[in-house]
């Protein structure tokens, strides 16, 4: 699988890894939530929370999914990180705009 760097800033939120699991991965593997949870060694409820996008994908879950799908946990963790970063940037947008970078402050002296 070819991976592409994310260009910032994004105009739309990155996709939560749970949505990718729910819409693409599980159907492609022909797995129900119950069967996927069993194979991953987690509770159905735990997997459902990620698929419903109400909980982040943990490092442990990234390792389990990567093993199931045959890719790397880094891929899943980067997706979660991009999603989290975008959400926090949106929440702190006004506050972050008030922070002057150190490089800019030093060049004015």
C-alpha atoms as a PDB file:
ATOM      1  CA  UNK A   1       0.000   0.000   0.000  1.00  0.00           C
ATOM      2  CA  UNK A   2       1.413   3.406  -0.985  1.00  0.00           C
ATOM      3  CA  UNK A   3       1.262   6.050   1.725  1.00  0.00           C
ATOM      4  CA  UNK A   4       1.094   9.768   1.007  1.00  0.00           C
ATOM      5  CA  UNK A   5       2.058  12.606   3.358  1.00  0.00           C
ATOM      6  CA  UNK A   6      -0.776  14.777   4.623  1.00  0.00           C
ATOM      7  CA  UNK A   7      -0.706  18.383   3.479  1.00  0.00           C
ATOM      8  CA  UNK A   8      -1.577  20.869   6.178  1.00  0.00           C
ATOM      9  CA  UNK A   9      -3.752  22.654   6.959  1.00  0.00           C
ATOM     10  CA  UNK A  10      -6.636  20.446   5.973  1.00  0.00           C
ATOM     11  CA  UNK A  11      -9.961  22.019   5.058  1.00  0.00           C
ATOM     12  CA  UNK A  12     -11.928  18.990   6.169  1.00  0.00           C
ATOM     13  CA  UNK A  13     -11.398  16.696   9.115  1.00  0.00           C
ATOM     14  CA  UNK A  14      -9.342  13.577   8.507  1.00  0.00           C
ATOM     15  CA  UNK A  15     -11.339  10.375   8.562  1.00  0.00           C
ATOM     16  CA  UNK A  16     -11.469   8.597  11.912  1.00  0.00           C
ATOM     17  CA  UNK A  17      -9.774   5.186  11.647  1.00  0.00           C
ATOM     18  CA  UNK A  18     -12.969   3.604  12.981  1.00  0.00           C
ATOM     19  CA  UNK A  19     -14.843   4.802   9.899  1.00  0.00           C
ATOM     20  CA  UNK A  20     -12.252   3.173   7.646  1.00  0.00           C
ATOM     21  CA  UNK A  21     -12.539  -0.061   9.584  1.00  0.00           C
ATOM     22  CA  UNK A  22     -16.336   0.055   9.487  1.00  0.00           C
ATOM     23  CA  UNK A  23     -16.790   1.091   5.857  1.00  0.00           C
ATOM     24  CA  UNK A  24     -13.817  -0.478   4.085  1.00  0.00           C
ATOM     25  CA  UNK A  25     -11.764  -2.983   6.042  1.00  0.00           C
ATOM     26  CA  UNK A  26     -14.347  -5.211   7.724  1.00  0.00           C
ATOM     27  CA  UNK A  27     -16.547  -5.497   4.605  1.00  0.00           C
ATOM     28  CA  UNK A  28     -13.489  -6.257   2.428  1.00  0.00           C
ATOM     29  CA  UNK A  29     -12.450  -8.989   4.856  1.00  0.00           C
ATOM     30  CA  UNK A  30     -16.019 -10.279   5.056  1.00  0.00           C
ATOM     31  CA  UNK A  31     -16.069  -9.909   8.837  1.00  0.00           C
ATOM     32  CA  UNK A  32     -18.924  -8.934  11.117  1.00  0.00           C
ATOM     33  CA  UNK A  33     -18.194  -6.806  14.174  1.00  0.00           C
ATOM     34  CA  UNK A  34     -18.640  -9.877  16.368  1.00  0.00           C
ATOM     35  CA  UNK A  35     -16.241 -12.001  14.299  1.00  0.00           C
ATOM     36  CA  UNK A  36     -13.684  -9.190  14.008  1.00  0.00           C
ATOM     37  CA  UNK A  37     -13.772  -8.642  17.779  1.00  0.00           C
ATOM     38  CA  UNK A  38     -13.281 -12.361  18.364  1.00  0.00           C
ATOM     39  CA  UNK A  39     -10.302 -12.488  15.989  1.00  0.00           C
ATOM     40  CA  UNK A  40      -8.814  -9.327  17.508  1.00  0.00           C
ATOM     41  CA  UNK A  41      -9.217 -10.691  21.035  1.00  0.00           C
ATOM     42  CA  UNK A  42     -11.268  -7.722  22.246  1.00  0.00           C
ATOM     43  CA  UNK A  43     -14.861  -7.295  23.348  1.00  0.00           C
ATOM     44  CA  UNK A  44     -17.484  -6.483  20.764  1.00  0.00           C
ATOM     45  CA  UNK A  45     -18.284  -3.321  22.733  1.00  0.00           C
ATOM     46  CA  UNK A  46     -14.657  -2.189  22.663  1.00  0.00           C
ATOM     47  CA  UNK A  47     -14.488  -2.597  18.897  1.00  0.00           C
ATOM     48  CA  UNK A  48     -17.901  -0.993  18.438  1.00  0.00           C
ATOM     49  CA  UNK A  49     -16.769   2.158  20.289  1.00  0.00           C
ATOM     50  CA  UNK A  50     -13.922   2.589  17.783  1.00  0.00           C
ATOM     51  CA  UNK A  51     -16.178   1.815  14.813  1.00  0.00           C
ATOM     52  CA  UNK A  52     -18.772   4.311  16.100  1.00  0.00           C
ATOM     53  CA  UNK A  53     -15.978   6.916  16.312  1.00  0.00           C
ATOM     54  CA  UNK A  54     -16.739   7.635  19.967  1.00  0.00           C
ATOM     55  CA  UNK A  55     -13.333   6.413  21.145  1.00  0.00           C
ATOM     56  CA  UNK A  56      -9.849   6.798  19.702  1.00  0.00           C
ATOM     57  CA  UNK A  57      -7.907   3.896  18.319  1.00  0.00           C
ATOM     58  CA  UNK A  58      -5.433   2.876  21.035  1.00  0.00           C
ATOM     59  CA  UNK A  59      -1.891   1.711  20.399  1.00  0.00           C
ATOM     60  CA  UNK A  60      -2.941  -1.767  21.471  1.00  0.00           C
ATOM     61  CA  UNK A  61      -5.886  -1.805  19.068  1.00  0.00           C
ATOM     62  CA  UNK A  62      -3.633  -0.524  16.251  1.00  0.00           C
ATOM     63  CA  UNK A  63      -1.300  -3.466  16.861  1.00  0.00           C
ATOM     64  CA  UNK A  64      -4.208  -5.922  16.817  1.00  0.00           C
ATOM     65  CA  UNK A  65      -5.772  -4.483  13.651  1.00  0.00           C
ATOM     66  CA  UNK A  66      -2.423  -4.369  11.869  1.00  0.00           C
ATOM     67  CA  UNK A  67      -1.853  -8.010  12.706  1.00  0.00           C
ATOM     68  CA  UNK A  68      -5.339  -8.967  11.488  1.00  0.00           C
ATOM     69  CA  UNK A  69      -5.055  -7.018   8.264  1.00  0.00           C
ATOM     70  CA  UNK A  70      -1.371  -7.601   7.572  1.00  0.00           C
ATOM     71  CA  UNK A  71      -0.200  -3.988   7.580  1.00  0.00           C
ATOM     72  CA  UNK A  72       1.589  -1.836  10.162  1.00  0.00           C
ATOM     73  CA  UNK A  73       0.290  -0.270  13.369  1.00  0.00           C
ATOM     74  CA  UNK A  74       2.011   2.958  12.299  1.00  0.00           C
ATOM     75  CA  UNK A  75      -0.569   3.396   9.545  1.00  0.00           C
ATOM     76  CA  UNK A  76      -3.460   3.188  12.006  1.00  0.00           C
ATOM     77  CA  UNK A  77      -1.768   5.370  14.601  1.00  0.00           C
ATOM     78  CA  UNK A  78      -0.998   8.074  12.015  1.00  0.00           C
ATOM     79  CA  UNK A  79      -4.660   8.103  11.003  1.00  0.00           C
ATOM     80  CA  UNK A  80      -5.694   8.539  14.639  1.00  0.00           C
ATOM     81  CA  UNK A  81      -3.050  11.187  15.225  1.00  0.00           C
ATOM     82  CA  UNK A  82      -4.149  13.190  12.166  1.00  0.00           C
ATOM     83  CA  UNK A  83      -7.776  12.982  13.305  1.00  0.00           C
ATOM     84  CA  UNK A  84      -6.937  14.047  16.879  1.00  0.00           C
ATOM     85  CA  UNK A  85      -4.647  16.870  15.777  1.00  0.00           C
ATOM     86  CA  UNK A  86      -7.260  18.339  13.442  1.00  0.00           C
ATOM     87  CA  UNK A  87      -9.940  18.208  16.136  1.00  0.00           C
ATOM     88  CA  UNK A  88      -7.748  19.982  18.688  1.00  0.00           C
ATOM     89  CA  UNK A  89      -6.548  22.563  16.148  1.00  0.00           C
ATOM     90  CA  UNK A  90     -10.151  23.474  15.398  1.00  0.00           C
ATOM     91  CA  UNK A  91     -10.995  23.769  19.091  1.00  0.00           C
ATOM     92  CA  UNK A  92      -7.913  25.923  19.838  1.00  0.00           C
ATOM     93  CA  UNK A  93      -7.856  27.926  16.584  1.00  0.00           C
ATOM     94  CA  UNK A  94      -8.471  31.340  18.178  1.00  0.00           C
ATOM     95  CA  UNK A  95      -6.153  30.695  21.107  1.00  0.00           C
ATOM     96  CA  UNK A  96      -3.326  29.442  18.860  1.00  0.00           C
ATOM     97  CA  UNK A  97      -3.624  32.534  16.640  1.00  0.00           C
ATOM     98  CA  UNK A  98      -2.646  34.685  19.650  1.00  0.00           C
ATOM     99  CA  UNK A  99       0.654  32.846  20.161  1.00  0.00           C
ATOM    100  CA  UNK A 100       3.578  34.558  18.471  1.00  0.00           C
ATOM    101  CA  UNK A 101       6.269  32.139  17.257  1.00  0.00           C
ATOM    102  CA  UNK A 102       9.679  32.640  18.934  1.00  0.00           C
ATOM    103  CA  UNK A 103      11.388  33.092  15.539  1.00  0.00           C
ATOM    104  CA  UNK A 104       9.081  36.028  14.759  1.00  0.00           C
ATOM    105  CA  UNK A 105       9.624  37.605  18.173  1.00  0.00           C
ATOM    106  CA  UNK A 106      13.440  37.399  17.823  1.00  0.00           C
ATOM    107  CA  UNK A 107      13.489  38.893  14.317  1.00  0.00           C
ATOM    108  CA  UNK A 108      11.690  42.031  15.550  1.00  0.00           C
ATOM    109  CA  UNK A 109      14.413  42.784  18.113  1.00  0.00           C
END
